[in-house]
Amino acid sequence: MKIKSIAKWALVGISVALAVLWAVPAQGATDTHTVTFDNNSAITLTIPETTYGFGDVSPASAATSANDVVNATVKSNAAWSLKIKGSANFISGSNNIAIGRLQWSENNSTPSWTTMTTSDVEVASGSATGETGVTKGMEYKLGLTYDDVVADGYSATITYTATNP
């Protein structure tokens, strides 16, 4: 009987201890902090075509790139502007042909030709593009004259610049 009584009181003690533990609220602490950042404007420009060649041309007719468009893709998270310019005249050895003989236009059914200069000229502009970006297809037209010196390998660098104004 004494053993039963001890066991009984032991069970009562365990039950009381468990009740007390469940009744005591959990202990802990919380705190917060704020994460901050500045989202700066970002812009990328991709032109997959690193070189464009007209091939053999003559002053008898203007050469155009209508069948071989140069694509400029701008990605920006803010307003953007795309500009174009020529670096200098076309050069082949000591010969040169004025950069203004090259004209450019956005690729469309009725091109509006603009004479290439060595100063930035705006091609297009817009608002934030999203991840897909905006692609502008560009055409070139080259008009030679009979005064231009015959030579192989004339070249000039055309620079596209994308900016967040």
N, C-alpha and C. Protein backbone atom coordinates (compact mmCIF):
# COMPACT_ATOMS: atom_id res chain seq x y z
N MET A 1 0.80 -1.16 0.00
CA MET A 1 0.00 0.00 0.00
C MET A 1 0.87 1.26 0.00
N LYS A 2 1.93 1.20 0.73
CA LYS A 2 2.83 2.32 0.78
C LYS A 2 3.39 2.62 -0.62
N ILE A 3 3.65 1.58 -1.37
CA ILE A 3 4.20 1.75 -2.71
C ILE A 3 3.15 2.38 -3.61
N LYS A 4 1.90 1.93 -3.45
CA LYS A 4 0.83 2.51 -4.26
C LYS A 4 0.66 3.98 -3.91
N SER A 5 0.78 4.31 -2.65
CA SER A 5 0.62 5.68 -2.21
C SER A 5 1.76 6.55 -2.76
N ILE A 6 2.95 6.03 -2.75
CA ILE A 6 4.10 6.76 -3.27
C ILE A 6 3.94 6.96 -4.77
N ALA A 7 3.51 5.91 -5.44
CA ALA A 7 3.31 6.00 -6.89
C ALA A 7 2.22 7.01 -7.21
N LYS A 8 1.15 6.98 -6.35
CA LYS A 8 0.05 7.90 -6.58
C LYS A 8 0.53 9.34 -6.43
N TRP A 9 1.29 9.59 -5.38
CA TRP A 9 1.79 10.95 -5.14
C TRP A 9 2.83 11.34 -6.21
N ALA A 10 3.56 10.42 -6.69
CA ALA A 10 4.53 10.70 -7.76
C ALA A 10 3.78 11.12 -9.02
N LEU A 11 2.68 10.42 -9.33
CA LEU A 11 1.88 10.80 -10.50
C LEU A 11 1.24 12.16 -10.31
N VAL A 12 0.78 12.43 -9.12
CA VAL A 12 0.20 13.75 -8.83
C VAL A 12 1.28 14.82 -9.00
N GLY A 13 2.45 14.56 -8.48
CA GLY A 13 3.56 15.53 -8.59
C GLY A 13 3.93 15.80 -10.04
N ILE A 14 3.99 14.75 -10.85
CA ILE A 14 4.33 14.91 -12.28
C ILE A 14 3.22 15.69 -12.97
N SER A 15 1.97 15.39 -12.62
CA SER A 15 0.84 16.10 -13.23
C SER A 15 0.87 17.57 -12.88
N VAL A 16 1.17 17.89 -11.64
CA VAL A 16 1.25 19.29 -11.21
C VAL A 16 2.40 19.99 -11.91
N ALA A 17 3.53 19.32 -12.00
CA ALA A 17 4.70 19.92 -12.66
C ALA A 17 4.40 20.20 -14.13
N LEU A 18 3.73 19.26 -14.79
CA LEU A 18 3.37 19.47 -16.20
C LEU A 18 2.38 20.61 -16.35
N ALA A 19 1.43 20.69 -15.46
CA ALA A 19 0.44 21.77 -15.51
C ALA A 19 1.12 23.12 -15.33
N VAL A 20 2.07 23.19 -14.42
CA VAL A 20 2.80 24.44 -14.18
C VAL A 20 3.61 24.82 -15.43
N LEU A 21 4.28 23.85 -16.02
CA LEU A 21 5.08 24.12 -17.21
C LEU A 21 4.21 24.62 -18.36
N TRP A 22 3.05 24.01 -18.53
CA TRP A 22 2.16 24.45 -19.61
C TRP A 22 1.56 25.83 -19.32
N ALA A 23 1.43 26.16 -18.10
CA ALA A 23 0.82 27.43 -17.72
C ALA A 23 1.83 28.58 -17.82
N VAL A 24 3.10 28.29 -17.77
CA VAL A 24 4.13 29.33 -17.85
C VAL A 24 4.30 29.74 -19.31
N PRO A 25 4.15 31.02 -19.59
CA PRO A 25 4.32 31.44 -20.98
C PRO A 25 5.76 31.22 -21.45
N ALA A 26 5.91 30.97 -22.75
CA ALA A 26 7.24 30.77 -23.32
C ALA A 26 8.05 32.05 -23.19
N GLN A 27 9.31 31.88 -22.99
CA GLN A 27 10.21 33.02 -22.85
C GLN A 27 10.89 33.29 -24.19
N GLY A 28 11.12 34.54 -24.56
CA GLY A 28 11.80 34.88 -25.79
C GLY A 28 11.79 36.38 -25.99
N ALA A 29 12.43 36.81 -27.06
CA ALA A 29 12.47 38.24 -27.37
C ALA A 29 12.50 38.39 -28.88
N THR A 30 11.96 39.48 -29.37
CA THR A 30 12.00 39.77 -30.80
C THR A 30 12.50 41.19 -31.00
N ASP A 31 13.05 41.41 -32.15
CA ASP A 31 13.49 42.74 -32.53
C ASP A 31 13.42 42.80 -34.05
N THR A 32 13.44 43.96 -34.62
CA THR A 32 13.38 44.11 -36.07
C THR A 32 14.48 45.05 -36.53
N HIS A 33 14.76 44.99 -37.82
CA HIS A 33 15.64 45.97 -38.44
C HIS A 33 15.12 46.23 -39.85
N THR A 34 15.53 47.30 -40.44
CA THR A 34 15.07 47.71 -41.76
C THR A 34 16.19 47.52 -42.77
N VAL A 35 15.87 46.96 -43.92
CA VAL A 35 16.83 46.80 -45.01
C VAL A 35 16.57 47.93 -46.00
N THR A 36 17.58 48.68 -46.35
CA THR A 36 17.42 49.81 -47.28
C THR A 36 18.39 49.68 -48.44
N PHE A 37 18.06 50.30 -49.55
CA PHE A 37 18.97 50.38 -50.68
C PHE A 37 18.48 51.47 -51.63
N ASP A 38 19.36 51.91 -52.50
CA ASP A 38 19.02 52.84 -53.57
C ASP A 38 19.09 52.07 -54.87
N ASN A 39 18.02 52.08 -55.64
CA ASN A 39 17.99 51.39 -56.93
C ASN A 39 18.45 52.38 -57.99
N ASN A 40 19.69 52.26 -58.41
CA ASN A 40 20.26 53.18 -59.39
C ASN A 40 19.83 52.80 -60.80
N SER A 41 19.84 53.77 -61.67
CA SER A 41 19.53 53.47 -63.07
C SER A 41 20.65 52.61 -63.65
N ALA A 42 20.24 51.71 -64.54
CA ALA A 42 21.20 50.82 -65.19
C ALA A 42 20.80 50.70 -66.65
N ILE A 43 21.80 50.57 -67.51
CA ILE A 43 21.52 50.48 -68.94
C ILE A 43 22.57 49.59 -69.60
N THR A 44 22.11 48.77 -70.56
CA THR A 44 23.05 47.98 -71.36
C THR A 44 22.71 48.17 -72.83
N LEU A 45 23.70 48.04 -73.65
CA LEU A 45 23.54 48.13 -75.10
C LEU A 45 24.24 46.93 -75.70
N THR A 46 23.52 46.20 -76.55
CA THR A 46 24.09 45.03 -77.20
C THR A 46 23.91 45.15 -78.70
N ILE A 47 25.00 45.01 -79.43
CA ILE A 47 24.97 44.99 -80.90
C ILE A 47 25.72 43.74 -81.32
N PRO A 48 24.98 42.67 -81.68
CA PRO A 48 25.63 41.41 -82.00
C PRO A 48 26.55 41.50 -83.22
N GLU A 49 26.21 42.35 -84.17
CA GLU A 49 27.01 42.49 -85.39
C GLU A 49 28.20 43.40 -85.09
N THR A 50 29.40 42.84 -84.99
CA THR A 50 30.57 43.65 -84.67
C THR A 50 31.15 44.34 -85.89
N THR A 51 30.82 43.84 -87.07
CA THR A 51 31.32 44.42 -88.32
C THR A 51 30.20 44.39 -89.35
N TYR A 52 30.12 45.43 -90.14
CA TYR A 52 29.21 45.42 -91.28
C TYR A 52 30.04 45.74 -92.52
N GLY A 53 29.92 44.94 -93.55
CA GLY A 53 30.65 45.19 -94.79
C GLY A 53 29.72 45.33 -95.97
N PHE A 54 29.85 46.40 -96.72
CA PHE A 54 29.06 46.56 -97.95
C PHE A 54 29.59 45.67 -99.07
N GLY A 55 30.84 45.27 -98.95
CA GLY A 55 31.44 44.50 -100.04
C GLY A 55 31.91 45.46 -101.13
N ASP A 56 31.83 45.01 -102.38
CA ASP A 56 32.26 45.84 -103.51
C ASP A 56 31.16 46.85 -103.85
N VAL A 57 31.52 48.13 -103.88
CA VAL A 57 30.57 49.20 -104.23
C VAL A 57 31.21 50.12 -105.26
N SER A 58 30.37 50.93 -105.89
CA SER A 58 30.88 51.90 -106.85
C SER A 58 29.97 53.12 -106.82
N PRO A 59 30.42 54.22 -107.44
CA PRO A 59 29.58 55.41 -107.48
C PRO A 59 28.39 55.28 -108.43
N ALA A 60 28.32 54.19 -109.18
CA ALA A 60 27.22 54.01 -110.15
C ALA A 60 25.87 53.88 -109.45
N SER A 61 25.85 53.34 -108.21
CA SER A 61 24.59 53.25 -107.46
C SER A 61 24.89 53.17 -105.97
N ALA A 62 23.97 53.70 -105.18
CA ALA A 62 24.14 53.68 -103.71
C ALA A 62 24.02 52.24 -103.21
N ALA A 63 24.82 51.92 -102.21
CA ALA A 63 24.75 50.61 -101.57
C ALA A 63 23.94 50.76 -100.29
N THR A 64 23.04 49.82 -100.04
CA THR A 64 22.26 49.85 -98.80
C THR A 64 22.38 48.53 -98.06
N SER A 65 22.08 48.60 -96.78
CA SER A 65 22.15 47.41 -95.93
C SER A 65 20.76 46.87 -95.60
N ALA A 66 19.77 47.20 -96.42
CA ALA A 66 18.39 46.81 -96.12
C ALA A 66 18.22 45.32 -95.89
N ASN A 67 19.01 44.49 -96.54
CA ASN A 67 18.90 43.04 -96.36
C ASN A 67 19.75 42.52 -95.22
N ASP A 68 20.50 43.40 -94.58
CA ASP A 68 21.40 42.99 -93.51
C ASP A 68 21.38 44.05 -92.42
N VAL A 69 20.31 44.07 -91.64
CA VAL A 69 20.09 45.10 -90.64
C VAL A 69 21.04 44.93 -89.45
N VAL A 70 21.52 46.04 -88.92
CA VAL A 70 22.32 46.06 -87.70
C VAL A 70 21.35 46.29 -86.54
N ASN A 71 21.33 45.37 -85.57
CA ASN A 71 20.40 45.46 -84.44
C ASN A 71 21.08 45.99 -83.19
N ALA A 72 20.49 47.03 -82.61
CA ALA A 72 20.97 47.60 -81.35
C ALA A 72 19.88 47.40 -80.30
N THR A 73 20.19 46.64 -79.25
CA THR A 73 19.21 46.35 -78.20
C THR A 73 19.59 47.09 -76.92
N VAL A 74 18.65 47.90 -76.43
CA VAL A 74 18.84 48.66 -75.20
C VAL A 74 17.98 48.02 -74.11
N LYS A 75 18.59 47.79 -72.95
CA LYS A 75 17.85 47.38 -71.75
C LYS A 75 18.11 48.45 -70.69
N SER A 76 17.02 48.97 -70.11
CA SER A 76 17.17 50.03 -69.13
C SER A 76 16.03 49.99 -68.13
N ASN A 77 16.33 50.32 -66.89
CA ASN A 77 15.29 50.39 -65.87
C ASN A 77 14.81 51.83 -65.65
N ALA A 78 15.19 52.73 -66.55
CA ALA A 78 14.80 54.13 -66.48
C ALA A 78 14.69 54.67 -67.91
N ALA A 79 14.32 55.92 -68.04
CA ALA A 79 14.27 56.54 -69.36
C ALA A 79 15.64 56.40 -70.02
N TRP A 80 15.66 56.24 -71.34
CA TRP A 80 16.91 56.01 -72.06
C TRP A 80 16.93 56.75 -73.38
N SER A 81 18.13 56.86 -73.93
CA SER A 81 18.33 57.48 -75.24
C SER A 81 19.43 56.71 -75.97
N LEU A 82 19.23 56.46 -77.27
CA LEU A 82 20.23 55.78 -78.10
C LEU A 82 20.72 56.77 -79.14
N LYS A 83 22.04 56.91 -79.21
CA LYS A 83 22.66 57.86 -80.15
C LYS A 83 23.64 57.13 -81.06
N ILE A 84 23.92 57.75 -82.22
CA ILE A 84 24.85 57.20 -83.20
C ILE A 84 25.80 58.30 -83.67
N LYS A 85 27.04 57.91 -84.01
CA LYS A 85 27.98 58.85 -84.63
C LYS A 85 29.09 58.06 -85.32
N GLY A 86 29.72 58.70 -86.28
CA GLY A 86 30.90 58.14 -86.94
C GLY A 86 32.14 58.68 -86.27
N SER A 87 33.19 57.87 -86.23
CA SER A 87 34.42 58.30 -85.56
C SER A 87 35.20 59.33 -86.38
N ALA A 88 35.22 59.12 -87.67
CA ALA A 88 35.96 60.01 -88.58
C ALA A 88 35.64 59.54 -89.99
N ASN A 89 36.35 60.05 -90.96
CA ASN A 89 36.14 59.63 -92.35
C ASN A 89 36.52 58.17 -92.55
N PHE A 90 36.03 57.60 -93.66
CA PHE A 90 36.46 56.26 -94.07
C PHE A 90 37.91 56.38 -94.53
N ILE A 91 38.75 55.45 -94.08
CA ILE A 91 40.18 55.49 -94.39
C ILE A 91 40.60 54.19 -95.06
N SER A 92 41.43 54.32 -96.08
CA SER A 92 42.11 53.18 -96.70
C SER A 92 43.52 53.67 -97.04
N GLY A 93 44.49 53.28 -96.20
CA GLY A 93 45.86 53.79 -96.39
C GLY A 93 45.86 55.30 -96.20
N SER A 94 46.34 56.02 -97.23
CA SER A 94 46.36 57.49 -97.15
C SER A 94 45.11 58.11 -97.78
N ASN A 95 44.20 57.26 -98.26
CA ASN A 95 42.97 57.75 -98.89
C ASN A 95 41.85 57.86 -97.85
N ASN A 96 40.97 58.84 -98.07
CA ASN A 96 39.81 58.93 -97.18
C ASN A 96 38.59 59.39 -97.95
N ILE A 97 37.44 58.96 -97.46
CA ILE A 97 36.14 59.34 -98.01
C ILE A 97 35.33 59.88 -96.84
N ALA A 98 34.68 60.99 -97.03
CA ALA A 98 33.94 61.67 -95.96
C ALA A 98 32.91 60.74 -95.31
N ILE A 99 32.84 60.80 -93.99
CA ILE A 99 31.87 59.98 -93.25
C ILE A 99 30.44 60.36 -93.64
N GLY A 100 30.24 61.57 -94.10
CA GLY A 100 28.91 62.03 -94.51
C GLY A 100 28.37 61.31 -95.74
N ARG A 101 29.19 60.53 -96.41
CA ARG A 101 28.69 59.73 -97.54
C ARG A 101 27.87 58.54 -97.03
N LEU A 102 28.02 58.26 -95.72
CA LEU A 102 27.22 57.19 -95.11
C LEU A 102 25.98 57.82 -94.47
N GLN A 103 24.85 57.22 -94.73
CA GLN A 103 23.61 57.64 -94.10
C GLN A 103 23.04 56.48 -93.30
N TRP A 104 22.19 56.80 -92.33
CA TRP A 104 21.58 55.77 -91.49
C TRP A 104 20.09 56.03 -91.38
N SER A 105 19.37 54.97 -91.05
CA SER A 105 17.93 55.05 -90.84
C SER A 105 17.49 53.89 -89.97
N GLU A 106 16.42 54.10 -89.20
CA GLU A 106 15.81 52.96 -88.53
C GLU A 106 15.21 52.09 -89.60
N ASN A 107 15.30 50.79 -89.42
CA ASN A 107 14.78 49.84 -90.40
C ASN A 107 13.26 49.86 -90.40
N ASN A 108 12.70 50.28 -91.51
CA ASN A 108 11.25 50.25 -91.69
C ASN A 108 10.95 50.29 -93.18
N SER A 109 9.68 50.26 -93.54
CA SER A 109 9.32 50.17 -94.96
C SER A 109 9.65 51.44 -95.74
N THR A 110 9.69 52.57 -95.08
CA THR A 110 10.05 53.82 -95.76
C THR A 110 11.15 54.52 -94.97
N PRO A 111 12.40 54.13 -95.21
CA PRO A 111 13.50 54.71 -94.44
C PRO A 111 13.59 56.23 -94.62
N SER A 112 13.93 56.89 -93.55
CA SER A 112 14.19 58.32 -93.56
C SER A 112 15.68 58.48 -93.30
N TRP A 113 16.45 58.75 -94.34
CA TRP A 113 17.90 58.73 -94.25
C TRP A 113 18.43 59.99 -93.58
N THR A 114 19.40 59.79 -92.66
CA THR A 114 20.08 60.88 -91.96
C THR A 114 21.57 60.75 -92.23
N THR A 115 22.20 61.84 -92.57
CA THR A 115 23.63 61.84 -92.86
C THR A 115 24.43 61.59 -91.58
N MET A 116 25.39 60.66 -91.66
CA MET A 116 26.25 60.34 -90.52
C MET A 116 27.18 61.53 -90.26
N THR A 117 27.34 61.86 -88.98
CA THR A 117 28.27 62.92 -88.57
C THR A 117 29.19 62.37 -87.50
N THR A 118 30.13 63.18 -87.06
CA THR A 118 31.02 62.78 -85.97
C THR A 118 30.49 63.26 -84.62
N SER A 119 29.28 63.78 -84.60
CA SER A 119 28.61 64.18 -83.36
C SER A 119 27.46 63.22 -83.09
N ASP A 120 27.17 63.02 -81.81
CA ASP A 120 26.04 62.16 -81.44
C ASP A 120 24.73 62.71 -81.99
N VAL A 121 23.95 61.82 -82.59
CA VAL A 121 22.61 62.15 -83.07
C VAL A 121 21.67 61.10 -82.48
N GLU A 122 20.56 61.56 -81.90
CA GLU A 122 19.63 60.62 -81.28
C GLU A 122 18.90 59.78 -82.31
N VAL A 123 18.94 58.47 -82.11
CA VAL A 123 18.24 57.51 -82.96
C VAL A 123 16.85 57.24 -82.40
N ALA A 124 16.80 57.03 -81.08
CA ALA A 124 15.54 56.68 -80.41
C ALA A 124 15.67 56.96 -78.93
N SER A 125 14.53 57.00 -78.26
CA SER A 125 14.50 57.16 -76.81
C SER A 125 13.21 56.54 -76.30
N GLY A 126 13.16 56.32 -74.99
CA GLY A 126 11.95 55.73 -74.43
C GLY A 126 12.01 55.64 -72.92
N SER A 127 11.00 55.00 -72.37
CA SER A 127 10.94 54.78 -70.93
C SER A 127 11.57 53.43 -70.61
N ALA A 128 11.55 53.05 -69.35
CA ALA A 128 12.14 51.77 -68.93
C ALA A 128 11.69 50.64 -69.85
N THR A 129 12.61 49.78 -70.22
CA THR A 129 12.34 48.74 -71.23
C THR A 129 11.89 47.42 -70.65
N GLY A 130 12.17 47.16 -69.38
CA GLY A 130 11.94 45.82 -68.83
C GLY A 130 13.03 44.88 -69.30
N GLU A 131 12.93 43.63 -68.88
CA GLU A 131 13.97 42.63 -69.18
C GLU A 131 14.15 42.35 -70.67
N THR A 132 13.10 42.47 -71.46
CA THR A 132 13.21 42.14 -72.88
C THR A 132 13.98 43.20 -73.66
N GLY A 133 13.99 44.42 -73.18
CA GLY A 133 14.69 45.49 -73.87
C GLY A 133 13.93 45.97 -75.10
N VAL A 134 14.55 46.91 -75.80
CA VAL A 134 14.01 47.46 -77.05
C VAL A 134 15.09 47.30 -78.11
N THR A 135 14.74 46.70 -79.23
CA THR A 135 15.70 46.52 -80.33
C THR A 135 15.36 47.47 -81.46
N LYS A 136 16.36 48.20 -81.89
CA LYS A 136 16.24 49.10 -83.03
C LYS A 136 17.08 48.52 -84.16
N GLY A 137 16.43 48.22 -85.27
CA GLY A 137 17.14 47.74 -86.45
C GLY A 137 17.62 48.95 -87.24
N MET A 138 18.88 48.97 -87.57
CA MET A 138 19.47 50.12 -88.27
C MET A 138 19.94 49.70 -89.66
N GLU A 139 19.66 50.57 -90.62
CA GLU A 139 20.13 50.38 -91.99
C GLU A 139 21.16 51.46 -92.32
N TYR A 140 22.06 51.12 -93.23
CA TYR A 140 23.04 52.08 -93.73
C TYR A 140 22.87 52.21 -95.24
N LYS A 141 23.22 53.40 -95.74
CA LYS A 141 23.26 53.63 -97.18
C LYS A 141 24.54 54.40 -97.47
N LEU A 142 25.31 53.90 -98.43
CA LEU A 142 26.59 54.51 -98.79
C LEU A 142 26.50 55.04 -100.21
N GLY A 143 26.77 56.32 -100.35
CA GLY A 143 26.76 56.94 -101.68
C GLY A 143 28.14 57.48 -102.02
N LEU A 144 28.80 56.84 -102.97
CA LEU A 144 30.12 57.29 -103.40
C LEU A 144 29.98 58.22 -104.60
N THR A 145 31.04 58.98 -104.87
CA THR A 145 31.06 59.83 -106.06
C THR A 145 32.25 59.42 -106.94
N TYR A 146 32.26 59.92 -108.16
CA TYR A 146 33.36 59.61 -109.07
C TYR A 146 34.66 60.33 -108.67
N ASP A 147 34.60 61.20 -107.69
CA ASP A 147 35.79 61.86 -107.17
C ASP A 147 36.50 61.03 -106.11
N ASP A 148 35.82 60.01 -105.56
CA ASP A 148 36.41 59.18 -104.50
C ASP A 148 37.49 58.28 -105.08
N VAL A 149 38.64 58.22 -104.38
CA VAL A 149 39.78 57.42 -104.82
C VAL A 149 39.45 55.93 -104.72
N VAL A 150 39.72 55.19 -105.79
CA VAL A 150 39.51 53.74 -105.81
C VAL A 150 40.57 53.08 -104.93
N ALA A 151 40.12 52.28 -103.96
CA ALA A 151 41.03 51.56 -103.07
C ALA A 151 40.23 50.49 -102.34
N ASP A 152 40.92 49.45 -101.89
CA ASP A 152 40.27 48.38 -101.11
C ASP A 152 40.36 48.71 -99.63
N GLY A 153 39.42 48.17 -98.87
CA GLY A 153 39.53 48.18 -97.41
C GLY A 153 39.22 49.49 -96.72
N TYR A 154 38.38 50.33 -97.28
CA TYR A 154 37.97 51.53 -96.56
C TYR A 154 37.22 51.11 -95.30
N SER A 155 37.46 51.81 -94.20
CA SER A 155 36.72 51.50 -92.97
C SER A 155 36.59 52.74 -92.09
N ALA A 156 35.56 52.74 -91.29
CA ALA A 156 35.32 53.77 -90.28
C ALA A 156 34.57 53.10 -89.13
N THR A 157 34.72 53.64 -87.96
CA THR A 157 34.03 53.10 -86.79
C THR A 157 32.76 53.89 -86.54
N ILE A 158 31.66 53.15 -86.36
CA ILE A 158 30.38 53.76 -86.01
C ILE A 158 30.14 53.45 -84.54
N THR A 159 29.84 54.47 -83.76
CA THR A 159 29.64 54.30 -82.32
C THR A 159 28.19 54.54 -81.95
N TYR A 160 27.61 53.56 -81.27
CA TYR A 160 26.28 53.69 -80.68
C TYR A 160 26.46 53.92 -79.19
N THR A 161 25.71 54.84 -78.63
CA THR A 161 25.81 55.13 -77.20
C THR A 161 24.41 55.14 -76.60
N ALA A 162 24.21 54.36 -75.56
CA ALA A 162 22.94 54.34 -74.83
C ALA A 162 23.16 54.99 -73.48
N THR A 163 22.29 55.93 -73.13
CA THR A 163 22.42 56.64 -71.86
C THR A 163 21.09 56.75 -71.16
N ASN A 164 21.17 56.96 -69.86
CA ASN A 164 20.00 57.34 -69.07
C ASN A 164 20.10 58.86 -68.90
N PRO A 165 19.27 59.60 -69.62
CA PRO A 165 19.39 61.07 -69.58
C PRO A 165 19.16 61.64 -68.19
